[in-house]
Amino acid sequence: MTNTRFLQVVLAIVILLSCFKASAQSCYSVPDHDQRYYCLALSKQDPSKCRSIKDKDLRNFCLAEVTADRSKCRSIKNKTQRAICLARVK
């Protein structure tokens, strides 16, 4: 997954989830494997779903958000993605 694609995915999901809490059922309609598990993890607040994400940066981003563990953000290699993660996870 390219950096631009990763940012597009994260921003789309953040916007979607800020408008309404995604149900697990709506997450199953997401075609991309990593995006689907990211959606499921956020909707269920379940870190085990993050561990199913293949892309390492997105997996760490997901774990940071679901567990509120900023140290996971520091494991993200892309500087822009890391900055977004650190801004979102308090």
PDB file of N, CA and C in Angstrom:
ATOM      1  N   MET A   1       0.856  -1.166   0.000  1.00  0.00           N
ATOM      2  CA  MET A   1       0.000   0.000   0.000  1.00  0.00           C
ATOM      3  C   MET A   1       0.908   1.237   0.000  1.00  0.00           C
ATOM      4  N   THR A   2       0.673   2.137  -0.938  1.00  0.00           N
ATOM      5  CA  THR A   2       1.506   3.332  -1.027  1.00  0.00           C
ATOM      6  C   THR A   2       1.161   4.295   0.099  1.00  0.00           C
ATOM      7  N   ASN A   3       2.053   5.220   0.348  1.00  0.00           N
ATOM      8  CA  ASN A   3       1.826   6.205   1.413  1.00  0.00           C
ATOM      9  C   ASN A   3       0.592   7.047   1.139  1.00  0.00           C
ATOM     10  N   THR A   4       0.424   7.456  -0.106  1.00  0.00           N
ATOM     11  CA  THR A   4      -0.743   8.257  -0.463  1.00  0.00           C
ATOM     12  C   THR A   4      -2.018   7.451  -0.263  1.00  0.00           C
ATOM     13  N   ARG A   5      -1.994   6.211  -0.683  1.00  0.00           N
ATOM     14  CA  ARG A   5      -3.164   5.336  -0.531  1.00  0.00           C
ATOM     15  C   ARG A   5      -3.484   5.123   0.950  1.00  0.00           C
ATOM     16  N   PHE A   6      -2.443   4.922   1.767  1.00  0.00           N
ATOM     17  CA  PHE A   6      -2.629   4.740   3.205  1.00  0.00           C
ATOM     18  C   PHE A   6      -3.321   5.958   3.797  1.00  0.00           C
ATOM     19  N   LEU A   7      -2.842   7.155   3.445  1.00  0.00           N
ATOM     20  CA  LEU A   7      -3.448   8.377   3.971  1.00  0.00           C
ATOM     21  C   LEU A   7      -4.894   8.519   3.517  1.00  0.00           C
ATOM     22  N   GLN A   8      -5.167   8.182   2.267  1.00  0.00           N
ATOM     23  CA  GLN A   8      -6.541   8.253   1.765  1.00  0.00           C
ATOM     24  C   GLN A   8      -7.449   7.311   2.546  1.00  0.00           C
ATOM     25  N   VAL A   9      -6.970   6.106   2.791  1.00  0.00           N
ATOM     26  CA  VAL A   9      -7.753   5.107   3.529  1.00  0.00           C
ATOM     27  C   VAL A   9      -8.016   5.586   4.948  1.00  0.00           C
ATOM     28  N   VAL A  10      -6.975   6.022   5.628  1.00  0.00           N
ATOM     29  CA  VAL A  10      -7.116   6.469   7.015  1.00  0.00           C
ATOM     30  C   VAL A  10      -8.052   7.662   7.105  1.00  0.00           C
ATOM     31  N   LEU A  11      -7.874   8.646   6.236  1.00  0.00           N
ATOM     32  CA  LEU A  11      -8.724   9.827   6.281  1.00  0.00           C
ATOM     33  C   LEU A  11     -10.176   9.485   5.962  1.00  0.00           C
ATOM     34  N   ALA A  12     -10.404   8.612   4.996  1.00  0.00           N
ATOM     35  CA  ALA A  12     -11.772   8.219   4.658  1.00  0.00           C
ATOM     36  C   ALA A  12     -12.446   7.523   5.831  1.00  0.00           C
ATOM     37  N   ILE A  13     -11.726   6.641   6.489  1.00  0.00           N
ATOM     38  CA  ILE A  13     -12.302   5.925   7.624  1.00  0.00           C
ATOM     39  C   ILE A  13     -12.524   6.864   8.791  1.00  0.00           C
ATOM     40  N   VAL A  14     -11.596   7.774   9.044  1.00  0.00           N
ATOM     41  CA  VAL A  14     -11.748   8.735  10.137  1.00  0.00           C
ATOM     42  C   VAL A  14     -12.977   9.604   9.908  1.00  0.00           C
ATOM     43  N   ILE A  15     -13.132  10.078   8.682  1.00  0.00           N
ATOM     44  CA  ILE A  15     -14.308  10.900   8.366  1.00  0.00           C
ATOM     45  C   ILE A  15     -15.584  10.089   8.520  1.00  0.00           C
ATOM     46  N   LEU A  16     -15.576   8.890   8.014  1.00  0.00           N
ATOM     47  CA  LEU A  16     -16.739   8.013   8.125  1.00  0.00           C
ATOM     48  C   LEU A  16     -17.117   7.780   9.589  1.00  0.00           C
ATOM     49  N   LEU A  17     -16.117   7.457  10.401  1.00  0.00           N
ATOM     50  CA  LEU A  17     -16.388   7.156  11.802  1.00  0.00           C
ATOM     51  C   LEU A  17     -16.708   8.394  12.615  1.00  0.00           C
ATOM     52  N   SER A  18     -16.265   9.563  12.188  1.00  0.00           N
ATOM     53  CA  SER A  18     -16.603  10.776  12.921  1.00  0.00           C
ATOM     54  C   SER A  18     -18.066  11.164  12.682  1.00  0.00           C
ATOM     55  N   CYS A  19     -18.617  10.751  11.547  1.00  0.00           N
ATOM     56  CA  CYS A  19     -20.026  11.045  11.256  1.00  0.00           C
ATOM     57  C   CYS A  19     -20.968  10.107  12.000  1.00  0.00           C
ATOM     58  N   PHE A  20     -20.599   8.880  12.116  1.00  0.00           N
ATOM     59  CA  PHE A  20     -21.404   7.900  12.841  1.00  0.00           C
ATOM     60  C   PHE A  20     -20.536   6.726  13.227  1.00  0.00           C
ATOM     61  N   LYS A  21     -20.928   6.044  14.267  1.00  0.00           N
ATOM     62  CA  LYS A  21     -20.186   4.870  14.724  1.00  0.00           C
ATOM     63  C   LYS A  21     -20.477   3.730  13.750  1.00  0.00           C
ATOM     64  N   ALA A  22     -19.455   3.236  13.092  1.00  0.00           N
ATOM     65  CA  ALA A  22     -19.647   2.161  12.119  1.00  0.00           C
ATOM     66  C   ALA A  22     -20.046   0.879  12.824  1.00  0.00           C
ATOM     67  N   SER A  23     -20.996   0.203  12.256  1.00  0.00           N
ATOM     68  CA  SER A  23     -21.364  -1.095  12.808  1.00  0.00           C
ATOM     69  C   SER A  23     -20.482  -2.147  12.160  1.00  0.00           C
ATOM     70  N   ALA A  24     -20.314  -3.251  12.841  1.00  0.00           N
ATOM     71  CA  ALA A  24     -19.482  -4.327  12.300  1.00  0.00           C
ATOM     72  C   ALA A  24     -20.028  -4.788  10.952  1.00  0.00           C
ATOM     73  N   GLN A  25     -21.341  -4.784  10.808  1.00  0.00           N
ATOM     74  CA  GLN A  25     -21.938  -5.243   9.565  1.00  0.00           C
ATOM     75  C   GLN A  25     -21.515  -4.354   8.388  1.00  0.00           C
ATOM     76  N   SER A  26     -21.455  -3.032   8.588  1.00  0.00           N
ATOM     77  CA  SER A  26     -21.045  -2.155   7.493  1.00  0.00           C
ATOM     78  C   SER A  26     -19.564  -2.354   7.154  1.00  0.00           C
ATOM     79  N   CYS A  27     -18.767  -2.757   8.128  1.00  0.00           N
ATOM     80  CA  CYS A  27     -17.346  -3.007   7.875  1.00  0.00           C
ATOM     81  C   CYS A  27     -17.140  -4.203   6.951  1.00  0.00           C
ATOM     82  N   TYR A  28     -18.006  -5.184   7.037  1.00  0.00           N
ATOM     83  CA  TYR A  28     -17.860  -6.371   6.193  1.00  0.00           C
ATOM     84  C   TYR A  28     -18.067  -6.065   4.711  1.00  0.00           C
ATOM     85  N   SER A  29     -18.658  -4.927   4.407  1.00  0.00           N
ATOM     86  CA  SER A  29     -18.858  -4.563   3.004  1.00  0.00           C
ATOM     87  C   SER A  29     -17.633  -3.865   2.416  1.00  0.00           C
ATOM     88  N   VAL A  30     -16.634  -3.550   3.230  1.00  0.00           N
ATOM     89  CA  VAL A  30     -15.403  -2.919   2.744  1.00  0.00           C
ATOM     90  C   VAL A  30     -14.580  -3.983   2.014  1.00  0.00           C
ATOM     91  N   PRO A  31     -14.272  -3.774   0.727  1.00  0.00           N
ATOM     92  CA  PRO A  31     -13.619  -4.823  -0.051  1.00  0.00           C
ATOM     93  C   PRO A  31     -12.156  -5.094   0.311  1.00  0.00           C
ATOM     94  N   ASP A  32     -11.397  -4.081   0.680  1.00  0.00           N
ATOM     95  CA  ASP A  32      -9.977  -4.273   0.969  1.00  0.00           C
ATOM     96  C   ASP A  32      -9.785  -4.922   2.341  1.00  0.00           C
ATOM     97  N   HIS A  33      -8.964  -5.960   2.401  1.00  0.00           N
ATOM     98  CA  HIS A  33      -8.726  -6.732   3.628  1.00  0.00           C
ATOM     99  C   HIS A  33      -8.279  -5.839   4.789  1.00  0.00           C
ATOM    100  N   ASP A  34      -7.227  -5.056   4.580  1.00  0.00           N
ATOM    101  CA  ASP A  34      -6.700  -4.219   5.658  1.00  0.00           C
ATOM    102  C   ASP A  34      -7.702  -3.158   6.112  1.00  0.00           C
ATOM    103  N   GLN A  35      -8.368  -2.533   5.159  1.00  0.00           N
ATOM    104  CA  GLN A  35      -9.365  -1.517   5.493  1.00  0.00           C
ATOM    105  C   GLN A  35     -10.517  -2.130   6.293  1.00  0.00           C
ATOM    106  N   ARG A  36     -10.935  -3.331   5.892  1.00  0.00           N
ATOM    107  CA  ARG A  36     -12.030  -4.012   6.577  1.00  0.00           C
ATOM    108  C   ARG A  36     -11.677  -4.291   8.041  1.00  0.00           C
ATOM    109  N   TYR A  37     -10.478  -4.811   8.279  1.00  0.00           N
ATOM    110  CA  TYR A  37     -10.086  -5.113   9.654  1.00  0.00           C
ATOM    111  C   TYR A  37      -9.841  -3.849  10.476  1.00  0.00           C
ATOM    112  N   TYR A  38      -9.381  -2.785   9.822  1.00  0.00           N
ATOM    113  CA  TYR A  38      -9.232  -1.503  10.509  1.00  0.00           C
ATOM    114  C   TYR A  38     -10.602  -1.005  10.965  1.00  0.00           C
ATOM    115  N   CYS A  39     -11.564  -1.068  10.077  1.00  0.00           N
ATOM    116  CA  CYS A  39     -12.938  -0.665  10.393  1.00  0.00           C
ATOM    117  C   CYS A  39     -13.506  -1.511  11.539  1.00  0.00           C
ATOM    118  N   LEU A  40     -13.326  -2.818  11.460  1.00  0.00           N
ATOM    119  CA  LEU A  40     -13.825  -3.714  12.508  1.00  0.00           C
ATOM    120  C   LEU A  40     -13.174  -3.416  13.859  1.00  0.00           C
ATOM    121  N   ALA A  41     -11.875  -3.198  13.851  1.00  0.00           N
ATOM    122  CA  ALA A  41     -11.157  -2.917  15.095  1.00  0.00           C
ATOM    123  C   ALA A  41     -11.677  -1.641  15.746  1.00  0.00           C
ATOM    124  N   LEU A  42     -11.884  -0.603  14.933  1.00  0.00           N
ATOM    125  CA  LEU A  42     -12.376   0.655  15.485  1.00  0.00           C
ATOM    126  C   LEU A  42     -13.812   0.543  15.956  1.00  0.00           C
ATOM    127  N   SER A  43     -14.649  -0.138  15.189  1.00  0.00           N
ATOM    128  CA  SER A  43     -16.066  -0.220  15.556  1.00  0.00           C
ATOM    129  C   SER A  43     -16.291  -1.068  16.799  1.00  0.00           C
ATOM    130  N   LYS A  44     -15.433  -2.074  16.988  1.00  0.00           N
ATOM    131  CA  LYS A  44     -15.584  -2.959  18.151  1.00  0.00           C
ATOM    132  C   LYS A  44     -14.597  -2.640  19.273  1.00  0.00           C
ATOM    133  N   GLN A  45     -13.688  -1.692  19.011  1.00  0.00           N
ATOM    134  CA  GLN A  45     -12.608  -1.378  19.957  1.00  0.00           C
ATOM    135  C   GLN A  45     -11.880  -2.659  20.369  1.00  0.00           C
ATOM    136  N   ASP A  46     -11.507  -3.442  19.347  1.00  0.00           N
ATOM    137  CA  ASP A  46     -10.919  -4.761  19.545  1.00  0.00           C
ATOM    138  C   ASP A  46      -9.526  -4.825  18.909  1.00  0.00           C
ATOM    139  N   PRO A  47      -8.468  -4.781  19.742  1.00  0.00           N
ATOM    140  CA  PRO A  47      -7.113  -4.798  19.193  1.00  0.00           C
ATOM    141  C   PRO A  47      -6.770  -6.088  18.441  1.00  0.00           C
ATOM    142  N   SER A  48      -7.460  -7.176  18.712  1.00  0.00           N
ATOM    143  CA  SER A  48      -7.165  -8.423  17.994  1.00  0.00           C
ATOM    144  C   SER A  48      -7.477  -8.279  16.507  1.00  0.00           C
ATOM    145  N   LYS A  49      -8.423  -7.428  16.163  1.00  0.00           N
ATOM    146  CA  LYS A  49      -8.739  -7.178  14.745  1.00  0.00           C
ATOM    147  C   LYS A  49      -7.599  -6.436  14.066  1.00  0.00           C
ATOM    148  N   CYS A  50      -6.905  -5.561  14.799  1.00  0.00           N
ATOM    149  CA  CYS A  50      -5.755  -4.831  14.239  1.00  0.00           C
ATOM    150  C   CYS A  50      -4.656  -5.798  13.838  1.00  0.00           C
ATOM    151  N   ARG A  51      -4.498  -6.851  14.583  1.00  0.00           N
ATOM    152  CA  ARG A  51      -3.415  -7.797  14.325  1.00  0.00           C
ATOM    153  C   ARG A  51      -3.614  -8.583  13.028  1.00  0.00           C
ATOM    154  N   SER A  52      -4.816  -8.520  12.464  1.00  0.00           N
ATOM    155  CA  SER A  52      -5.093  -9.172  11.179  1.00  0.00           C
ATOM    156  C   SER A  52      -4.713  -8.299   9.992  1.00  0.00           C
ATOM    157  N   ILE A  53      -4.327  -7.061  10.244  1.00  0.00           N
ATOM    158  CA  ILE A  53      -3.950  -6.132   9.177  1.00  0.00           C
ATOM    159  C   ILE A  53      -2.543  -6.465   8.700  1.00  0.00           C
ATOM    160  N   LYS A  54      -2.396  -6.619   7.394  1.00  0.00           N
ATOM    161  CA  LYS A  54      -1.119  -7.024   6.807  1.00  0.00           C
ATOM    162  C   LYS A  54      -0.100  -5.879   6.737  1.00  0.00           C
ATOM    163  N   ASP A  55      -0.563  -4.672   6.413  1.00  0.00           N
ATOM    164  CA  ASP A  55       0.326  -3.521   6.302  1.00  0.00           C
ATOM    165  C   ASP A  55       0.785  -3.107   7.707  1.00  0.00           C
ATOM    166  N   LYS A  56       2.093  -3.163   7.938  1.00  0.00           N
ATOM    167  CA  LYS A  56       2.641  -2.942   9.280  1.00  0.00           C
ATOM    168  C   LYS A  56       2.327  -1.542   9.821  1.00  0.00           C
ATOM    169  N   ASP A  57       2.455  -0.514   8.981  1.00  0.00           N
ATOM    170  CA  ASP A  57       2.165   0.839   9.448  1.00  0.00           C
ATOM    171  C   ASP A  57       0.694   1.006   9.820  1.00  0.00           C
ATOM    172  N   LEU A  58      -0.204   0.491   8.982  1.00  0.00           N
ATOM    173  CA  LEU A  58      -1.629   0.580   9.294  1.00  0.00           C
ATOM    174  C   LEU A  58      -1.963  -0.241  10.537  1.00  0.00           C
ATOM    175  N   ARG A  59      -1.320  -1.389  10.706  1.00  0.00           N
ATOM    176  CA  ARG A  59      -1.531  -2.220  11.896  1.00  0.00           C
ATOM    177  C   ARG A  59      -1.132  -1.445  13.166  1.00  0.00           C
ATOM    178  N   ASN A  60       0.026  -0.796  13.122  1.00  0.00           N
ATOM    179  CA  ASN A  60       0.468  -0.015  14.277  1.00  0.00           C
ATOM    180  C   ASN A  60      -0.438   1.187  14.526  1.00  0.00           C
ATOM    181  N   PHE A  61      -0.890   1.824  13.456  1.00  0.00           N
ATOM    182  CA  PHE A  61      -1.822   2.946  13.568  1.00  0.00           C
ATOM    183  C   PHE A  61      -3.107   2.471  14.251  1.00  0.00           C
ATOM    184  N   CYS A  62      -3.611   1.348  13.802  1.00  0.00           N
ATOM    185  CA  CYS A  62      -4.833   0.762  14.360  1.00  0.00           C
ATOM    186  C   CYS A  62      -4.652   0.433  15.845  1.00  0.00           C
ATOM    187  N   LEU A  63      -3.567  -0.237  16.172  1.00  0.00           N
ATOM    188  CA  LEU A  63      -3.309  -0.595  17.570  1.00  0.00           C
ATOM    189  C   LEU A  63      -3.191   0.644  18.449  1.00  0.00           C
ATOM    190  N   ALA A  64      -2.544   1.676  17.930  1.00  0.00           N
ATOM    191  CA  ALA A  64      -2.410   2.921  18.690  1.00  0.00           C
ATOM    192  C   ALA A  64      -3.776   3.523  18.981  1.00  0.00           C
ATOM    193  N   GLU A  65      -4.651   3.557  17.972  1.00  0.00           N
ATOM    194  CA  GLU A  65      -5.984   4.144  18.162  1.00  0.00           C
ATOM    195  C   GLU A  65      -6.852   3.312  19.101  1.00  0.00           C
ATOM    196  N   VAL A  66      -6.869   2.022  18.894  1.00  0.00           N
ATOM    197  CA  VAL A  66      -7.767   1.161  19.673  1.00  0.00           C
ATOM    198  C   VAL A  66      -7.317   1.049  21.128  1.00  0.00           C
ATOM    199  N   THR A  67      -6.012   0.999  21.354  1.00  0.00           N
ATOM    200  CA  THR A  67      -5.504   0.829  22.714  1.00  0.00           C
ATOM    201  C   THR A  67      -5.082   2.143  23.359  1.00  0.00           C
ATOM    202  N   ALA A  68      -5.125   3.243  22.603  1.00  0.00           N
ATOM    203  CA  ALA A  68      -4.675   4.558  23.077  1.00  0.00           C
ATOM    204  C   ALA A  68      -3.220   4.501  23.547  1.00  0.00           C
ATOM    205  N   ASP A  69      -2.409   3.761  22.811  1.00  0.00           N
ATOM    206  CA  ASP A  69      -0.992   3.577  23.137  1.00  0.00           C
ATOM    207  C   ASP A  69      -0.141   4.336  22.120  1.00  0.00           C
ATOM    208  N   ARG A  70       0.296   5.538  22.494  1.00  0.00           N
ATOM    209  CA  ARG A  70       1.075   6.383  21.594  1.00  0.00           C
ATOM    210  C   ARG A  70       2.394   5.744  21.169  1.00  0.00           C
ATOM    211  N   SER A  71       2.911   4.809  21.951  1.00  0.00           N
ATOM    212  CA  SER A  71       4.188   4.175  21.585  1.00  0.00           C
ATOM    213  C   SER A  71       4.070   3.411  20.269  1.00  0.00           C
ATOM    214  N   LYS A  72       2.873   2.944  19.940  1.00  0.00           N
ATOM    215  CA  LYS A  72       2.662   2.255  18.663  1.00  0.00           C
ATOM    216  C   LYS A  72       2.848   3.219  17.488  1.00  0.00           C
ATOM    217  N   CYS A  73       2.517   4.495  17.696  1.00  0.00           N
ATOM    218  CA  CYS A  73       2.699   5.497  16.638  1.00  0.00           C
ATOM    219  C   CYS A  73       4.172   5.620  16.273  1.00  0.00           C
ATOM    220  N   ARG A  74       5.031   5.494  17.233  1.00  0.00           N
ATOM    221  CA  ARG A  74       6.467   5.651  16.998  1.00  0.00           C
ATOM    222  C   ARG A  74       7.042   4.508  16.152  1.00  0.00           C
ATOM    223  N   SER A  75       6.296   3.416  16.020  1.00  0.00           N
ATOM    224  CA  SER A  75       6.725   2.284  15.192  1.00  0.00           C
ATOM    225  C   SER A  75       6.388   2.481  13.718  1.00  0.00           C
ATOM    226  N   ILE A  76       5.632   3.520  13.403  1.00  0.00           N
ATOM    227  CA  ILE A  76       5.236   3.796  12.020  1.00  0.00           C
ATOM    228  C   ILE A  76       6.414   4.447  11.298  1.00  0.00           C
ATOM    229  N   LYS A  77       6.805   3.876  10.185  1.00  0.00           N
ATOM    230  CA  LYS A  77       7.994   4.322   9.465  1.00  0.00           C
ATOM    231  C   LYS A  77       7.796   5.654   8.731  1.00  0.00           C
ATOM    232  N   ASN A  78       6.637   5.847   8.099  1.00  0.00           N
ATOM    233  CA  ASN A  78       6.368   7.063   7.346  1.00  0.00           C
ATOM    234  C   ASN A  78       6.146   8.235   8.308  1.00  0.00           C
ATOM    235  N   LYS A  79       6.903   9.321   8.109  1.00  0.00           N
ATOM    236  CA  LYS A  79       6.841  10.464   9.028  1.00  0.00           C
ATOM    237  C   LYS A  79       5.470  11.128   9.052  1.00  0.00           C
ATOM    238  N   THR A  80       4.839  11.255   7.897  1.00  0.00           N
ATOM    239  CA  THR A  80       3.518  11.878   7.836  1.00  0.00           C
ATOM    240  C   THR A  80       2.480  11.031   8.560  1.00  0.00           C
ATOM    241  N   GLN A  81       2.513   9.737   8.309  1.00  0.00           N
ATOM    242  CA  GLN A  81       1.578   8.826   8.970  1.00  0.00           C
ATOM    243  C   GLN A  81       1.803   8.826  10.480  1.00  0.00           C
ATOM    244  N   ARG A  82       3.068   8.859  10.885  1.00  0.00           N
ATOM    245  CA  ARG A  82       3.404   8.890  12.308  1.00  0.00           C
ATOM    246  C   ARG A  82       2.845  10.157  12.959  1.00  0.00           C
ATOM    247  N   ALA A  83       2.989  11.292  12.267  1.00  0.00           N
ATOM    248  CA  ALA A  83       2.492  12.564  12.794  1.00  0.00           C
ATOM    249  C   ALA A  83       0.973  12.548  12.946  1.00  0.00           C
ATOM    250  N   ILE A  84       0.277  11.971  11.973  1.00  0.00           N
ATOM    251  CA  ILE A  84      -1.185  11.860  12.062  1.00  0.00           C
ATOM    252  C   ILE A  84      -1.564  10.994  13.246  1.00  0.00           C
ATOM    253  N   CYS A  85      -0.868   9.897  13.407  1.00  0.00           N
ATOM    254  CA  CYS A  85      -1.140   8.978  14.518  1.00  0.00           C
ATOM    255  C   CYS A  85      -0.931   9.685  15.855  1.00  0.00           C
ATOM    256  N   LEU A  86       0.185  10.370  15.998  1.00  0.00           N
ATOM    257  CA  LEU A  86       0.485  11.059  17.263  1.00  0.00           C
ATOM    258  C   LEU A  86      -0.529  12.162  17.552  1.00  0.00           C
ATOM    259  N   ALA A  87      -1.036  12.800  16.490  1.00  0.00           N
ATOM    260  CA  ALA A  87      -2.050  13.837  16.683  1.00  0.00           C
ATOM    261  C   ALA A  87      -3.400  13.256  17.108  1.00  0.00           C
ATOM    262  N   ARG A  88      -3.711  12.076  16.627  1.00  0.00           N
ATOM    263  CA  ARG A  88      -5.020  11.478  16.912  1.00  0.00           C
ATOM    264  C   ARG A  88      -5.057  10.747  18.254  1.00  0.00           C
ATOM    265  N   VAL A  89      -3.941  10.158  18.646  1.00  0.00           N
ATOM    266  CA  VAL A  89      -3.918   9.333  19.869  1.00  0.00           C
ATOM    267  C   VAL A  89      -3.422  10.197  21.019  1.00  0.00           C
ATOM    268  N   LYS A  90      -4.254  10.377  21.989  1.00  0.00           N
ATOM    269  CA  LYS A  90      -3.911  11.213  23.156  1.00  0.00           C
ATOM    270  C   LYS A  90      -3.591  10.365  24.354  1.00  0.00           C
TER     271      LYS A  90
END
